[in-house]
Amino acid sequence: MDSAHRPPDYVQVPDYMEELISFINHADSHKYDLLKTAAAHHRFAWIHPFHNGNGRVVRLLTYAMLIKQGFNIKRGRIINPTAVFCINRNNYYAMLSQADSGSEGMLAWCEYVLHGLYEEIIKIDKLTDYSFLAEKILIPAVEFCCERGSLNKQERDILKVAVTKVVFQSADIEHLMPGKIPAERSRVLARLRNEGLIEPLEEKARKYMANFTGSCLLRGVIKVLMKENFTAMRD
């Protein structure tokens, strides 16, 4: 979607950017932190200082401000501005344009941003709940890979056990391989390990975890996250 906004003349950009930086760095009460972040995001987008890449830079600026405000990995929460602003790009541009119209438009923009951040926090809290993560993301990712032919049914069922139990061993999949001796189960687990689908809890250990980081399972996770609106496409 093309915006009707026309940025200021390039000779005005340095002064506008200096004004924005002063606004960001000014010491204000922490209760205004998120409002400042919303206002700074809009102002940067309005100035539009670069010929290309303004969207990526303003999201980086927003991310940096959120990190400074305490939304960081040490606290257990990371808010991704891309997820907030890019799931519905048309709505994002419409709200930016509304903010250009004056104080009421800016208030609507701030409400839009704060609501988006709130929704993102809820999503993050869900993903840190392993029961939700397993049921809504990981197991559907395994099913997706099986449907695509990347996993056979036996591999699917073993991985579902791995997700459910978190840490599993050969005895936990005995019911999936009736009549098979332990050595045969061990060979199946060794194959899954070689394919990068599971990994030992420790080197040479006989307890395993599912590995979603470097296999077809990662594609499945990304697909499910997109379907559930946990991720957004970036420009």
Protein backbone atom coordinates (compact mmCIF):
# COMPACT_ATOMS: atom_id res chain seq x y z
CA MET A 1 0.00 0.00 0.00
CA ASP A 2 1.38 3.44 -0.96
CA SER A 3 1.06 6.15 1.67
CA ALA A 4 -0.27 9.61 0.79
CA HIS A 5 2.29 11.12 3.16
CA ARG A 6 5.00 13.25 1.59
CA PRO A 7 8.14 13.51 3.75
CA PRO A 8 9.72 16.89 4.50
CA ASP A 9 12.34 18.32 2.17
CA TYR A 10 15.74 16.71 2.64
CA VAL A 11 17.29 19.95 3.93
CA GLN A 12 14.91 19.80 6.91
CA VAL A 13 15.72 16.19 7.80
CA PRO A 14 18.78 16.85 10.04
CA ASP A 15 16.86 19.30 12.22
CA TYR A 16 13.85 17.00 12.49
CA MET A 17 16.09 14.04 13.38
CA GLU A 18 17.93 16.07 16.02
CA GLU A 19 14.58 17.04 17.49
CA LEU A 20 13.47 13.39 17.51
CA ILE A 21 16.66 12.20 19.19
CA SER A 22 16.30 14.87 21.87
CA PHE A 23 12.72 13.75 22.46
CA ILE A 24 13.79 10.10 22.81
CA ASN A 25 16.67 10.86 25.17
CA HIS A 26 14.77 13.32 27.37
CA ALA A 27 14.34 12.01 30.92
CA ASP A 28 10.63 11.43 31.50
CA SER A 29 8.64 9.35 33.95
CA HIS A 30 8.75 5.66 33.09
CA LYS A 31 4.96 5.59 32.92
CA TYR A 32 5.30 7.39 29.58
CA ASP A 33 7.85 4.95 28.12
CA LEU A 34 5.50 3.10 25.78
CA LEU A 35 3.76 6.30 24.70
CA LYS A 36 7.17 7.76 23.83
CA THR A 37 7.98 4.64 21.84
CA ALA A 38 4.74 4.96 19.88
CA ALA A 39 5.28 8.67 19.25
CA ALA A 40 8.92 8.16 18.22
CA HIS A 41 7.94 5.41 15.79
CA HIS A 42 5.41 7.67 14.10
CA ARG A 43 7.75 10.66 14.00
CA PHE A 44 10.58 8.68 12.43
CA ALA A 45 8.19 7.29 9.82
CA TRP A 46 6.91 10.82 9.17
CA ILE A 47 10.44 12.21 8.70
CA HIS A 48 11.29 9.28 6.41
CA PRO A 49 15.01 10.15 6.45
CA PHE A 50 16.24 7.45 4.06
CA HIS A 51 15.51 6.73 0.43
CA ASN A 52 14.99 3.06 1.27
CA GLY A 53 14.82 0.88 4.39
CA ASN A 54 12.88 3.27 6.64
CA GLY A 55 10.51 0.50 7.77
CA ARG A 56 13.35 -1.75 8.89
CA VAL A 57 15.15 1.08 10.65
CA VAL A 58 12.07 2.35 12.49
CA ARG A 59 11.32 -1.17 13.72
CA LEU A 60 14.93 -1.44 14.90
CA LEU A 61 14.57 1.91 16.68
CA THR A 62 11.34 0.72 18.30
CA TYR A 63 13.00 -2.54 19.34
CA ALA A 64 15.96 -0.64 20.85
CA MET A 65 13.61 1.58 22.86
CA LEU A 66 11.69 -1.44 24.15
CA ILE A 67 14.94 -3.14 25.17
CA LYS A 68 15.98 0.01 27.02
CA GLN A 69 12.62 -0.01 28.80
CA GLY A 70 13.16 -3.54 30.11
CA PHE A 71 11.54 -5.76 27.50
CA ASN A 72 14.65 -7.88 27.06
CA ILE A 73 15.80 -11.45 27.28
CA LYS A 74 17.09 -11.09 30.86
CA ARG A 75 13.53 -10.42 31.96
CA GLY A 76 12.21 -13.35 29.94
CA ARG A 77 10.23 -11.27 27.44
CA ILE A 78 11.17 -10.00 24.01
CA ILE A 79 8.68 -7.92 22.02
CA ASN A 80 9.14 -8.08 18.26
CA PRO A 81 8.00 -4.83 16.58
CA THR A 82 7.69 -6.66 13.27
CA ALA A 83 5.00 -8.87 14.78
CA VAL A 84 3.19 -5.79 16.11
CA PHE A 85 3.28 -3.67 12.96
CA CYS A 86 3.50 -6.07 10.02
CA ILE A 87 0.76 -8.66 10.44
CA ASN A 88 -1.73 -6.21 8.90
CA ARG A 89 0.31 -3.79 6.83
CA ASN A 90 -2.68 -1.90 5.42
CA ASN A 91 -3.98 -1.18 8.91
CA TYR A 92 -0.50 -0.08 10.00
CA TYR A 93 -0.23 2.46 7.18
CA ALA A 94 -3.78 3.67 7.79
CA MET A 95 -3.03 4.29 11.45
CA LEU A 96 0.20 6.13 10.59
CA SER A 97 -1.78 8.37 8.25
CA GLN A 98 -4.41 8.97 10.91
CA ALA A 99 -1.68 10.06 13.33
CA ASP A 100 -0.66 12.74 10.81
CA SER A 101 -4.06 14.40 11.21
CA GLY A 102 -3.52 15.85 14.69
CA SER A 103 -3.88 15.08 18.38
CA GLU A 104 -6.90 12.78 18.05
CA GLY A 105 -5.18 10.85 15.30
CA MET A 106 -2.02 10.58 17.40
CA LEU A 107 -4.08 9.30 20.33
CA ALA A 108 -5.61 6.64 18.07
CA TRP A 109 -2.12 5.71 16.86
CA CYS A 110 -0.83 5.35 20.43
CA GLU A 111 -3.81 3.17 21.35
CA TYR A 112 -3.12 1.04 18.27
CA VAL A 113 0.55 0.59 19.23
CA LEU A 114 -0.16 -0.14 22.90
CA HIS A 115 -2.84 -2.66 21.97
CA GLY A 116 -0.40 -4.34 19.57
CA LEU A 117 2.28 -4.53 22.25
CA TYR A 118 -0.25 -5.94 24.71
CA GLU A 119 -1.29 -8.62 22.22
CA GLU A 120 2.36 -9.45 21.59
CA ILE A 121 3.01 -9.86 25.33
CA ILE A 122 0.06 -12.27 25.52
CA LYS A 123 1.54 -14.27 22.64
CA ILE A 124 4.94 -14.40 24.31
CA ASP A 125 3.40 -15.55 27.57
CA LYS A 126 1.58 -18.31 25.69
CA LEU A 127 4.80 -19.46 24.04
CA THR A 128 6.55 -19.64 27.41
CA ASP A 129 3.79 -21.97 28.64
CA TYR A 130 5.10 -25.36 27.53
CA SER A 131 1.66 -26.98 27.55
CA PHE A 132 0.44 -24.40 25.04
CA LEU A 133 3.66 -24.58 23.03
CA ALA A 134 3.51 -28.36 22.75
CA GLU A 135 -0.20 -28.60 21.91
CA LYS A 136 -0.57 -25.61 19.60
CA ILE A 137 2.85 -25.27 17.95
CA LEU A 138 5.22 -28.24 18.27
CA ILE A 139 2.84 -31.16 17.71
CA PRO A 140 1.09 -29.40 14.79
CA ALA A 141 4.57 -28.76 13.34
CA VAL A 142 5.32 -32.48 13.54
CA GLU A 143 1.97 -33.28 11.90
CA PHE A 144 2.68 -30.74 9.15
CA CYS A 145 6.03 -32.37 8.37
CA CYS A 146 4.37 -35.79 8.19
CA GLU A 147 1.67 -34.49 5.86
CA ARG A 148 4.38 -33.01 3.63
CA GLY A 149 6.17 -36.37 3.49
CA SER A 150 9.22 -35.16 5.41
CA LEU A 151 8.46 -37.67 8.19
CA ASN A 152 6.99 -41.14 8.10
CA LYS A 153 4.28 -42.15 10.57
CA GLN A 154 6.69 -43.92 12.90
CA GLU A 155 8.95 -40.85 13.06
CA ARG A 156 5.89 -38.66 13.63
CA ASP A 157 4.68 -40.79 16.53
CA ILE A 158 8.12 -40.92 18.16
CA LEU A 159 8.49 -37.15 17.89
CA LYS A 160 5.06 -36.63 19.42
CA VAL A 161 6.22 -38.71 22.39
CA ALA A 162 9.37 -36.58 22.53
CA VAL A 163 7.33 -33.36 22.57
CA THR A 164 4.90 -34.64 25.19
CA LYS A 165 7.52 -36.03 27.57
CA VAL A 166 10.21 -33.38 26.77
CA VAL A 167 12.93 -35.90 27.68
CA PHE A 168 12.38 -39.49 26.59
CA GLN A 169 14.21 -42.78 26.25
CA SER A 170 13.87 -46.04 24.37
CA ALA A 171 11.38 -47.54 26.82
CA ASP A 172 8.99 -44.62 26.20
CA ILE A 173 8.46 -45.67 22.58
CA GLU A 174 8.11 -49.40 23.24
CA HIS A 175 4.34 -49.19 22.66
CA LEU A 176 5.00 -47.76 19.19
CA MET A 177 7.13 -50.76 18.19
CA PRO A 178 5.37 -53.83 19.63
CA GLY A 179 7.37 -57.01 19.41
CA LYS A 180 10.64 -55.19 18.68
CA ILE A 181 13.66 -55.85 20.85
CA PRO A 182 15.48 -52.92 22.52
CA ALA A 183 18.30 -53.10 19.98
CA GLU A 184 15.85 -52.38 17.15
CA ARG A 185 14.43 -49.38 19.00
CA SER A 186 17.98 -48.15 19.55
CA ARG A 187 18.67 -48.37 15.81
CA VAL A 188 15.58 -46.29 15.06
CA LEU A 189 16.63 -43.67 17.61
CA ALA A 190 20.15 -43.61 16.16
CA ARG A 191 18.69 -42.93 12.72
CA LEU A 192 16.53 -40.11 14.05
CA ARG A 193 19.58 -38.67 15.75
CA ASN A 194 21.63 -38.87 12.54
CA GLU A 195 18.82 -37.09 10.69
CA GLY A 196 18.89 -34.29 13.25
CA LEU A 197 15.34 -34.96 14.46
CA ILE A 198 16.37 -35.76 18.04
CA GLU A 199 19.43 -35.04 20.13
CA PRO A 200 20.82 -36.66 23.28
CA LEU A 201 20.39 -34.85 26.54
CA GLU A 202 24.14 -35.25 27.03
CA GLU A 203 26.90 -36.71 24.89
CA LYS A 204 26.52 -40.50 24.70
CA ALA A 205 23.40 -40.30 26.87
CA ARG A 206 20.42 -42.54 26.18
CA LYS A 207 17.88 -39.86 26.95
CA TYR A 208 16.75 -37.65 24.09
CA MET A 209 14.87 -34.49 23.19
CA ALA A 210 13.23 -33.47 19.92
CA ASN A 211 15.41 -31.14 17.86
CA PHE A 212 13.45 -28.35 16.17
CA THR A 213 16.44 -26.19 15.27
CA GLY A 214 18.10 -27.73 12.25
CA SER A 215 15.72 -30.07 10.48
CA CYS A 216 12.43 -30.14 8.60
CA LEU A 217 10.80 -29.54 11.98
CA LEU A 218 11.98 -25.93 11.94
CA ARG A 219 10.05 -25.31 8.72
CA GLY A 220 7.03 -26.87 10.37
CA VAL A 221 7.32 -24.59 13.39
CA ILE A 222 7.61 -21.50 11.18
CA LYS A 223 4.58 -22.60 9.16
CA VAL A 224 2.46 -23.10 12.28
CA LEU A 225 3.62 -19.83 13.85
CA MET A 226 2.61 -17.98 10.71
CA LYS A 227 -0.76 -19.74 10.62
CA GLU A 228 -1.39 -18.76 14.25
CA ASN A 229 -0.31 -15.13 13.61
CA PHE A 230 2.76 -15.36 15.81
CA THR A 231 5.04 -14.15 13.02
CA ALA A 232 4.78 -11.66 10.20
CA MET A 233 6.43 -11.23 6.83
CA ARG A 234 8.97 -8.41 6.74
CA ASP A 235 9.61 -5.95 3.94
